[in-house]
Amino acid sequence: MSEVFDYVKINAAMGSIFKIFDQNGIDLREMYLLSEILKRESEKMDLPNVKWVQNELGISFTKLKSMLVCLENRGFIIKISSKKDHRIKFIDITDDGKEFFMKVSQLTYNAFL
């Protein structure tokens, strides 16, 4: 069974998504982090910590730090110190981060309707 896609509609949506990414200095790894936070919140799981993100994305600590600073400066995430060990930093999404994620998700969803 073959699905029929409206490639013109998908292309337009992708153009809009990349424009939003460019305007906000965001890439797919950062979107993945935002989605991971939201998934964990919805499943009542612990937030991801910095070390998990580094391992999951397979990036250097320098690249990770740059990515987190970018997301913090845009107001999309905050880092929270662990109550048990202040060296451990958890990453949470802000309301602005949720709004950004939902905007991109809605564009993607609409492209395939």
Protein backbone atom coordinates (compact mmCIF):
# COMPACT_ATOMS: atom_id res chain seq x y z
CA MET A 1 0.00 0.00 0.00
CA SER A 2 1.47 3.31 -1.04
CA GLU A 3 0.81 6.56 0.78
CA VAL A 4 0.21 9.68 -1.26
CA PHE A 5 1.99 12.76 -0.02
CA ASP A 6 1.51 16.34 -1.07
CA TYR A 7 5.17 17.09 -1.67
CA VAL A 8 4.48 20.74 -2.42
CA LYS A 9 2.79 21.11 0.98
CA ILE A 10 5.60 19.19 2.71
CA ASN A 11 8.24 21.32 0.97
CA ALA A 12 6.51 24.53 2.05
CA ALA A 13 6.29 23.30 5.63
CA MET A 14 9.96 22.28 5.63
CA GLY A 15 10.90 25.72 4.34
CA SER A 16 8.95 27.30 7.20
CA ILE A 17 10.54 24.96 9.74
CA PHE A 18 14.07 25.68 8.55
CA LYS A 19 13.32 29.41 8.59
CA ILE A 20 12.18 29.11 12.23
CA PHE A 21 15.30 27.06 13.06
CA ASP A 22 17.51 29.67 11.41
CA GLN A 23 15.79 32.60 13.12
CA ASN A 24 16.22 30.94 16.51
CA GLY A 25 19.67 29.42 15.97
CA ILE A 26 18.25 25.93 16.61
CA ASP A 27 19.17 22.61 15.01
CA LEU A 28 17.72 19.10 15.09
CA ARG A 29 19.80 17.98 18.09
CA GLU A 30 18.34 20.80 20.12
CA MET A 31 14.83 19.90 18.97
CA TYR A 32 15.51 16.32 20.02
CA LEU A 33 16.53 17.52 23.50
CA LEU A 34 13.34 19.57 23.82
CA SER A 35 11.28 16.56 22.73
CA GLU A 36 13.10 14.32 25.22
CA ILE A 37 12.30 16.69 28.08
CA LEU A 38 8.63 16.86 27.09
CA LYS A 39 8.42 13.07 26.69
CA ARG A 40 9.94 12.52 30.12
CA GLU A 41 7.60 15.05 31.71
CA SER A 42 4.58 13.37 30.13
CA GLU A 43 5.76 9.96 31.37
CA LYS A 44 6.57 11.31 34.86
CA MET A 45 10.26 10.41 34.45
CA ASP A 46 13.36 12.24 35.69
CA LEU A 47 14.55 15.09 33.53
CA PRO A 48 17.61 14.41 31.37
CA ASN A 49 20.93 15.41 32.87
CA VAL A 50 23.85 16.99 31.07
CA LYS A 51 25.87 13.76 30.93
CA TRP A 52 22.95 11.86 29.40
CA VAL A 53 22.56 14.50 26.69
CA GLN A 54 26.26 14.37 25.85
CA ASN A 55 26.20 10.57 25.57
CA GLU A 56 22.88 10.43 23.70
CA LEU A 57 23.93 12.99 21.11
CA GLY A 58 27.51 11.73 20.90
CA ILE A 59 28.99 15.22 21.11
CA SER A 60 31.95 16.72 22.92
CA PHE A 61 31.45 18.55 26.19
CA THR A 62 32.47 21.78 24.43
CA LYS A 63 29.76 21.34 21.79
CA LEU A 64 27.24 20.38 24.47
CA LYS A 65 28.05 23.44 26.56
CA SER A 66 27.65 25.67 23.50
CA MET A 67 24.31 24.04 22.67
CA LEU A 68 22.98 24.45 26.22
CA VAL A 69 24.11 28.08 26.41
CA CYS A 70 22.34 28.73 23.10
CA LEU A 71 19.10 27.20 24.39
CA GLU A 72 19.39 29.02 27.73
CA ASN A 73 20.04 32.37 26.04
CA ARG A 74 16.92 31.90 23.93
CA GLY A 75 14.95 31.13 27.08
CA PHE A 76 14.06 27.59 25.95
CA ILE A 77 15.69 25.63 28.81
CA ILE A 78 16.95 26.01 32.34
CA LYS A 79 19.50 23.92 34.20
CA ILE A 80 18.56 22.66 37.65
CA SER A 81 21.06 21.35 40.19
CA SER A 82 20.37 17.94 41.66
CA LYS A 83 19.29 18.06 45.31
CA LYS A 84 21.45 15.01 46.04
CA ASP A 85 24.60 16.09 44.16
CA HIS A 86 25.00 19.72 43.05
CA ARG A 87 27.51 18.66 40.38
CA ILE A 88 24.67 16.99 38.48
CA LYS A 89 22.62 19.35 36.32
CA PHE A 90 19.20 18.44 35.00
CA ILE A 91 17.74 20.20 31.99
CA ASP A 92 14.15 21.43 31.96
CA ILE A 93 12.14 23.18 29.29
CA THR A 94 10.62 26.62 29.81
CA ASP A 95 7.23 27.83 28.63
CA ASP A 96 8.97 29.60 25.72
CA GLY A 97 10.71 26.33 24.85
CA LYS A 98 7.40 24.47 24.88
CA GLU A 99 5.79 27.13 22.71
CA PHE A 100 8.67 26.95 20.21
CA PHE A 101 8.56 23.15 20.13
CA MET A 102 4.79 23.11 19.63
CA LYS A 103 5.01 25.66 16.81
CA VAL A 104 7.53 23.52 14.91
CA SER A 105 5.62 20.32 15.71
CA GLN A 106 2.35 21.80 14.43
CA LEU A 107 3.99 22.86 11.16
CA THR A 108 5.38 19.35 10.74
CA TYR A 109 2.06 17.72 11.61
CA ASN A 110 0.12 19.94 9.22
CA ALA A 111 2.47 19.06 6.37
CA PHE A 112 1.29 15.46 6.48
CA LEU A 113 -2.47 16.05 6.81
